[in-house]
N, C-alpha and C. Protein backbone atom coordinates (compact mmCIF):
# COMPACT_ATOMS: atom_id res chain seq x y z
N UNK A 1 -49.55 204.97 172.14
CA UNK A 1 -50.11 204.88 170.80
C UNK A 1 -51.32 203.94 170.83
N UNK A 2 -52.45 204.43 170.38
CA UNK A 2 -53.66 203.63 170.38
C UNK A 2 -53.63 202.65 169.21
N UNK A 3 -54.10 201.44 169.46
CA UNK A 3 -54.19 200.41 168.44
C UNK A 3 -55.56 199.75 168.51
N UNK A 4 -56.18 199.57 167.36
CA UNK A 4 -57.50 198.96 167.27
C UNK A 4 -57.40 197.67 166.46
N UNK A 5 -58.00 196.60 166.97
CA UNK A 5 -57.99 195.31 166.30
C UNK A 5 -59.39 194.74 166.29
N UNK A 6 -59.94 194.53 165.09
CA UNK A 6 -61.28 193.96 164.96
C UNK A 6 -61.21 192.44 164.88
N UNK A 7 -62.28 191.80 165.31
CA UNK A 7 -62.41 190.36 165.21
C UNK A 7 -63.89 189.99 165.17
N UNK A 8 -64.18 188.76 164.79
CA UNK A 8 -65.54 188.26 164.84
C UNK A 8 -66.23 188.13 163.50
N UNK A 9 -65.60 188.56 162.43
CA UNK A 9 -66.22 188.43 161.12
C UNK A 9 -66.27 186.99 160.66
N UNK A 10 -67.03 186.76 159.61
CA UNK A 10 -67.15 185.41 159.08
C UNK A 10 -68.17 185.31 157.97
N UNK A 11 -68.43 184.09 157.56
CA UNK A 11 -69.40 183.79 156.51
C UNK A 11 -70.64 183.17 157.14
N UNK A 12 -71.78 183.82 156.96
CA UNK A 12 -73.03 183.34 157.53
C UNK A 12 -74.15 183.44 156.50
N UNK A 13 -75.25 182.78 156.78
CA UNK A 13 -76.42 182.85 155.92
C UNK A 13 -77.32 183.99 156.35
N UNK A 14 -78.14 184.46 155.42
CA UNK A 14 -79.08 185.52 155.71
C UNK A 14 -79.96 185.14 156.90
N UNK A 15 -80.17 186.11 157.79
CA UNK A 15 -80.96 185.88 158.98
C UNK A 15 -80.14 185.54 160.21
N UNK A 16 -78.88 185.22 160.01
CA UNK A 16 -78.01 184.85 161.12
C UNK A 16 -77.51 186.09 161.86
N UNK A 17 -76.80 185.85 162.95
CA UNK A 17 -76.23 186.92 163.76
C UNK A 17 -74.72 186.77 163.88
N UNK A 18 -74.06 187.89 164.03
CA UNK A 18 -72.63 187.93 164.30
C UNK A 18 -72.37 189.03 165.31
N UNK A 19 -71.32 188.85 166.08
CA UNK A 19 -70.90 189.87 167.03
C UNK A 19 -69.45 190.22 166.75
N UNK A 20 -69.23 191.45 166.32
CA UNK A 20 -67.89 191.93 166.07
C UNK A 20 -67.34 192.59 167.32
N UNK A 21 -66.04 192.51 167.49
CA UNK A 21 -65.40 193.13 168.64
C UNK A 21 -64.20 193.94 168.19
N UNK A 22 -64.02 195.09 168.81
CA UNK A 22 -62.88 195.95 168.56
C UNK A 22 -62.11 196.10 169.85
N UNK A 23 -60.91 195.56 169.88
CA UNK A 23 -60.07 195.63 171.06
C UNK A 23 -59.16 196.85 170.96
N UNK A 24 -59.17 197.67 172.00
CA UNK A 24 -58.40 198.91 172.01
C UNK A 24 -57.26 198.80 172.99
N UNK A 25 -56.07 199.17 172.55
CA UNK A 25 -54.90 199.19 173.42
C UNK A 25 -54.22 200.55 173.32
N UNK A 26 -53.45 200.89 174.34
CA UNK A 26 -52.74 202.15 174.37
C UNK A 26 -53.48 203.23 175.13
N UNK A 27 -54.78 203.21 175.09
CA UNK A 27 -55.65 204.13 175.79
C UNK A 27 -56.91 203.40 176.20
N UNK A 28 -57.62 203.95 177.13
CA UNK A 28 -58.90 203.36 177.50
C UNK A 28 -59.92 203.70 176.43
N UNK A 29 -60.81 202.77 176.19
CA UNK A 29 -61.81 202.96 175.15
C UNK A 29 -62.74 204.12 175.49
N UNK A 30 -62.85 204.45 176.75
CA UNK A 30 -63.70 205.56 177.17
C UNK A 30 -63.12 206.92 176.82
N UNK A 31 -61.89 206.95 176.31
CA UNK A 31 -61.25 208.21 175.94
C UNK A 31 -61.70 208.72 174.58
N UNK A 32 -62.42 207.90 173.83
CA UNK A 32 -62.77 208.23 172.46
C UNK A 32 -64.24 208.03 172.17
N UNK A 33 -64.72 208.76 171.19
CA UNK A 33 -65.94 208.37 170.52
C UNK A 33 -65.57 207.22 169.59
N UNK A 34 -66.39 206.21 169.52
CA UNK A 34 -66.10 205.02 168.73
C UNK A 34 -67.18 204.80 167.68
N UNK A 35 -66.78 204.17 166.59
CA UNK A 35 -67.74 203.92 165.53
C UNK A 35 -67.35 202.69 164.72
N UNK A 36 -68.34 202.13 164.08
CA UNK A 36 -68.14 201.07 163.10
C UNK A 36 -68.51 201.60 161.73
N UNK A 37 -67.62 201.40 160.78
CA UNK A 37 -67.85 201.70 159.38
C UNK A 37 -67.77 200.41 158.59
N UNK A 38 -68.25 200.42 157.36
CA UNK A 38 -68.11 199.26 156.51
C UNK A 38 -67.87 199.70 155.07
N UNK A 39 -67.21 198.83 154.32
CA UNK A 39 -66.91 199.13 152.94
C UNK A 39 -67.10 197.89 152.09
N UNK A 40 -68.02 197.97 151.15
CA UNK A 40 -68.27 196.88 150.22
C UNK A 40 -67.46 197.12 148.95
N UNK A 41 -67.19 196.07 148.17
CA UNK A 41 -66.43 196.24 146.94
C UNK A 41 -67.06 197.27 146.01
N UNK A 42 -66.24 198.20 145.54
CA UNK A 42 -66.72 199.22 144.63
C UNK A 42 -67.47 200.36 145.27
N UNK A 43 -67.55 200.37 146.58
CA UNK A 43 -68.26 201.43 147.29
C UNK A 43 -67.35 202.14 148.28
N UNK A 44 -67.78 203.32 148.69
CA UNK A 44 -67.03 204.08 149.69
C UNK A 44 -67.29 203.53 151.08
N UNK A 45 -66.33 203.78 151.97
CA UNK A 45 -66.52 203.38 153.35
C UNK A 45 -67.65 204.21 153.95
N UNK A 46 -68.61 203.56 154.57
CA UNK A 46 -69.78 204.24 155.08
C UNK A 46 -69.98 204.01 156.57
N UNK A 47 -70.55 205.00 157.21
CA UNK A 47 -70.85 204.93 158.63
C UNK A 47 -71.94 203.92 158.90
N UNK A 48 -71.77 203.15 159.96
CA UNK A 48 -72.76 202.15 160.36
C UNK A 48 -73.36 202.47 161.73
N UNK A 49 -72.50 202.64 162.72
CA UNK A 49 -72.96 202.88 164.08
C UNK A 49 -71.91 203.65 164.86
N UNK A 50 -72.35 204.53 165.75
CA UNK A 50 -71.43 205.33 166.53
C UNK A 50 -71.81 205.40 167.99
N UNK A 51 -70.81 205.65 168.82
CA UNK A 51 -70.97 205.73 170.27
C UNK A 51 -70.16 206.90 170.76
N UNK A 52 -70.79 207.84 171.46
CA UNK A 52 -70.11 209.04 171.91
C UNK A 52 -69.15 208.77 173.06
N UNK A 53 -68.19 209.69 173.25
CA UNK A 53 -67.23 209.55 174.34
C UNK A 53 -67.92 209.73 175.69
N UNK A 54 -68.73 210.76 175.79
CA UNK A 54 -69.46 211.05 177.00
C UNK A 54 -70.93 210.67 176.84
N UNK A 55 -71.48 210.06 177.86
CA UNK A 55 -72.90 209.76 177.87
C UNK A 55 -73.33 208.51 177.13
N UNK A 56 -72.44 207.89 176.38
CA UNK A 56 -72.75 206.68 175.61
C UNK A 56 -73.97 206.85 174.72
N UNK A 57 -74.05 208.00 174.08
CA UNK A 57 -75.10 208.20 173.09
C UNK A 57 -74.79 207.34 171.87
N UNK A 58 -75.81 206.84 171.22
CA UNK A 58 -75.63 206.00 170.04
C UNK A 58 -76.35 206.59 168.85
N UNK A 59 -75.85 206.25 167.67
CA UNK A 59 -76.47 206.68 166.43
C UNK A 59 -76.21 205.61 165.38
N UNK A 60 -77.24 205.30 164.58
CA UNK A 60 -77.14 204.26 163.58
C UNK A 60 -77.58 204.75 162.22
N UNK A 61 -76.99 204.17 161.19
CA UNK A 61 -77.45 204.46 159.85
C UNK A 61 -78.83 203.83 159.67
N UNK A 62 -79.62 204.38 158.77
CA UNK A 62 -80.97 203.90 158.58
C UNK A 62 -81.05 202.45 158.14
N UNK A 63 -80.04 201.97 157.43
CA UNK A 63 -80.07 200.62 156.91
C UNK A 63 -79.84 199.55 157.98
N UNK A 64 -79.29 199.92 159.13
CA UNK A 64 -79.01 198.94 160.18
C UNK A 64 -79.78 199.19 161.46
N UNK A 65 -80.41 200.34 161.58
CA UNK A 65 -81.15 200.68 162.78
C UNK A 65 -82.22 199.62 163.07
N UNK A 66 -82.24 199.14 164.31
CA UNK A 66 -83.17 198.10 164.70
C UNK A 66 -82.61 196.70 164.58
N UNK A 67 -81.50 196.55 163.86
CA UNK A 67 -80.87 195.25 163.70
C UNK A 67 -79.50 195.17 164.36
N UNK A 68 -78.76 196.28 164.36
CA UNK A 68 -77.41 196.33 164.91
C UNK A 68 -77.40 197.11 166.22
N UNK A 69 -76.49 196.75 167.11
CA UNK A 69 -76.32 197.46 168.36
C UNK A 69 -74.84 197.65 168.66
N UNK A 70 -74.44 198.89 168.91
CA UNK A 70 -73.06 199.18 169.29
C UNK A 70 -73.01 199.36 170.80
N UNK A 71 -71.95 198.86 171.42
CA UNK A 71 -71.81 198.97 172.87
C UNK A 71 -70.34 199.03 173.26
N UNK A 72 -70.10 199.55 174.45
CA UNK A 72 -68.75 199.68 174.98
C UNK A 72 -68.64 198.90 176.28
N UNK A 73 -67.56 198.16 176.44
CA UNK A 73 -67.28 197.44 177.66
C UNK A 73 -65.99 198.01 178.23
N UNK A 74 -66.11 198.90 179.19
CA UNK A 74 -64.94 199.56 179.74
C UNK A 74 -64.00 198.60 180.47
N UNK A 75 -64.56 197.58 181.10
CA UNK A 75 -63.74 196.60 181.82
C UNK A 75 -62.85 195.82 180.87
N UNK A 76 -63.39 195.45 179.71
CA UNK A 76 -62.63 194.70 178.72
C UNK A 76 -61.90 195.59 177.73
N UNK A 77 -62.20 196.88 177.78
CA UNK A 77 -61.62 197.86 176.86
C UNK A 77 -61.90 197.49 175.41
N UNK A 78 -63.17 197.19 175.15
CA UNK A 78 -63.59 196.80 173.82
C UNK A 78 -64.86 197.53 173.42
N UNK A 79 -65.10 197.56 172.13
CA UNK A 79 -66.35 198.05 171.56
C UNK A 79 -66.90 196.95 170.67
N UNK A 80 -68.17 196.64 170.84
CA UNK A 80 -68.79 195.55 170.09
C UNK A 80 -69.86 196.06 169.14
N UNK A 81 -70.10 195.29 168.11
CA UNK A 81 -71.21 195.53 167.20
C UNK A 81 -71.98 194.23 167.07
N UNK A 82 -73.13 194.18 167.71
CA UNK A 82 -74.01 193.02 167.61
C UNK A 82 -74.86 193.19 166.36
N UNK A 83 -74.77 192.24 165.45
CA UNK A 83 -75.48 192.31 164.19
C UNK A 83 -76.48 191.16 164.12
N UNK A 84 -77.75 191.49 164.07
CA UNK A 84 -78.81 190.49 163.98
C UNK A 84 -79.54 190.62 162.65
N UNK A 85 -80.23 189.55 162.28
CA UNK A 85 -81.01 189.53 161.05
C UNK A 85 -80.20 190.01 159.85
N UNK A 86 -79.03 189.44 159.70
CA UNK A 86 -78.12 189.88 158.65
C UNK A 86 -78.70 189.63 157.26
N UNK A 87 -78.39 190.56 156.37
CA UNK A 87 -78.85 190.51 154.99
C UNK A 87 -77.65 190.47 154.06
N UNK A 88 -77.82 189.95 152.85
CA UNK A 88 -76.71 189.95 151.90
C UNK A 88 -76.10 191.33 151.68
N UNK A 89 -76.91 192.37 151.72
CA UNK A 89 -76.40 193.72 151.52
C UNK A 89 -75.54 194.22 152.68
N UNK A 90 -75.47 193.46 153.77
CA UNK A 90 -74.58 193.79 154.87
C UNK A 90 -73.15 193.32 154.60
N UNK A 91 -72.95 192.57 153.54
CA UNK A 91 -71.63 192.05 153.21
C UNK A 91 -70.66 193.20 152.96
N UNK A 92 -69.55 193.19 153.70
CA UNK A 92 -68.56 194.25 153.60
C UNK A 92 -67.41 193.95 154.54
N UNK A 93 -66.36 194.73 154.42
CA UNK A 93 -65.31 194.74 155.42
C UNK A 93 -65.71 195.76 156.47
N UNK A 94 -65.75 195.35 157.71
CA UNK A 94 -66.16 196.23 158.80
C UNK A 94 -64.94 196.75 159.54
N UNK A 95 -64.91 198.07 159.74
CA UNK A 95 -63.79 198.74 160.38
C UNK A 95 -64.21 199.42 161.67
N UNK A 96 -63.36 199.36 162.64
CA UNK A 96 -63.55 200.07 163.90
C UNK A 96 -62.74 201.36 163.85
N UNK A 97 -63.37 202.46 164.23
CA UNK A 97 -62.69 203.74 164.23
C UNK A 97 -62.79 204.45 165.57
N UNK A 98 -61.78 205.24 165.89
CA UNK A 98 -61.75 206.02 167.13
C UNK A 98 -61.60 207.49 166.79
N UNK A 99 -62.38 208.31 167.46
CA UNK A 99 -62.43 209.74 167.20
C UNK A 99 -62.08 210.50 168.47
N UNK A 100 -61.06 211.36 168.38
CA UNK A 100 -60.70 212.20 169.52
C UNK A 100 -61.65 213.37 169.57
N UNK A 101 -62.88 213.07 169.88
CA UNK A 101 -63.92 214.08 169.92
C UNK A 101 -64.21 214.48 171.35
N UNK A 102 -65.04 215.48 171.48
CA UNK A 102 -65.36 216.03 172.79
C UNK A 102 -66.82 215.83 173.11
N UNK A 103 -67.08 215.46 174.35
CA UNK A 103 -68.43 215.39 174.84
C UNK A 103 -69.26 214.29 174.23
N UNK A 104 -70.46 214.64 173.82
CA UNK A 104 -71.42 213.67 173.33
C UNK A 104 -71.51 213.63 171.81
N UNK A 105 -70.49 214.14 171.13
CA UNK A 105 -70.48 214.20 169.67
C UNK A 105 -70.28 212.83 169.05
N UNK A 106 -71.04 212.54 168.02
CA UNK A 106 -70.85 211.36 167.18
C UNK A 106 -70.69 211.84 165.75
N UNK A 107 -69.50 211.65 165.19
CA UNK A 107 -69.25 212.05 163.82
C UNK A 107 -69.49 210.87 162.89
N UNK A 108 -69.83 211.17 161.64
CA UNK A 108 -70.20 210.12 160.69
C UNK A 108 -69.35 210.09 159.44
N UNK A 109 -68.35 210.94 159.34
CA UNK A 109 -67.49 210.98 158.16
C UNK A 109 -66.16 210.31 158.43
N UNK A 110 -65.68 209.57 157.46
CA UNK A 110 -64.43 208.83 157.58
C UNK A 110 -63.26 209.73 157.96
N UNK A 111 -63.17 210.91 157.35
CA UNK A 111 -62.04 211.80 157.58
C UNK A 111 -62.01 212.38 158.98
N UNK A 112 -63.08 212.24 159.72
CA UNK A 112 -63.16 212.78 161.06
C UNK A 112 -62.60 211.83 162.12
N UNK A 113 -62.27 210.61 161.72
CA UNK A 113 -61.75 209.62 162.66
C UNK A 113 -60.24 209.54 162.62
N UNK A 114 -59.64 209.40 163.79
CA UNK A 114 -58.20 209.50 163.95
C UNK A 114 -57.47 208.17 163.89
N UNK A 115 -58.11 207.09 164.30
CA UNK A 115 -57.50 205.78 164.32
C UNK A 115 -58.44 204.74 163.73
N UNK A 116 -57.85 203.73 163.08
CA UNK A 116 -58.61 202.67 162.45
C UNK A 116 -57.99 201.31 162.70
N UNK A 117 -58.85 200.30 162.76
CA UNK A 117 -58.37 198.93 162.79
C UNK A 117 -58.14 198.43 161.38
N UNK A 118 -57.74 197.18 161.26
CA UNK A 118 -57.40 196.60 159.96
C UNK A 118 -58.62 196.10 159.20
N UNK A 119 -59.74 195.97 159.88
CA UNK A 119 -60.96 195.50 159.25
C UNK A 119 -61.18 194.01 159.42
N UNK A 120 -62.43 193.60 159.41
CA UNK A 120 -62.79 192.19 159.46
C UNK A 120 -63.92 191.94 158.46
N UNK A 121 -63.79 190.86 157.70
CA UNK A 121 -64.73 190.58 156.62
C UNK A 121 -66.00 189.93 157.14
N UNK A 122 -67.13 190.47 156.71
CA UNK A 122 -68.44 189.88 156.99
C UNK A 122 -69.09 189.56 155.65
N UNK A 123 -69.43 188.30 155.45
CA UNK A 123 -70.07 187.87 154.22
C UNK A 123 -71.37 187.17 154.56
N UNK A 124 -72.46 187.65 153.97
CA UNK A 124 -73.78 187.10 154.22
C UNK A 124 -74.32 186.52 152.92
N UNK A 125 -74.57 185.24 152.90
CA UNK A 125 -75.07 184.57 151.71
C UNK A 125 -76.59 184.49 151.74
N UNK A 126 -77.20 184.46 150.56
CA UNK A 126 -78.64 184.39 150.46
C UNK A 126 -79.11 182.98 150.19
């Protein structure tokens, strides 16, 4: 049984950086397409960044492209989200998701993901 656990969230000021980590157990992280989603109060959970199972293709939402980087560490069996130049609008609970997808596919809809972590809070003050 796969289990995902996020860590690294916190309270920071605008312009700061944070690095989130998603630890995967039960299966190797390379077995899945992985993604980070986020959900702010009163809003739907939205796609932030994705990493394909094969080829390590990446895809980012327009609001974070150029500031965030998703990566996989097969040795540590983790997926990270490096967040730079944080803005108040980045404030949300960030979730790690795993998708039993095939090949180089990166899906962006919540319902397409099979496993989720518990989430970690990121708060950016202005």
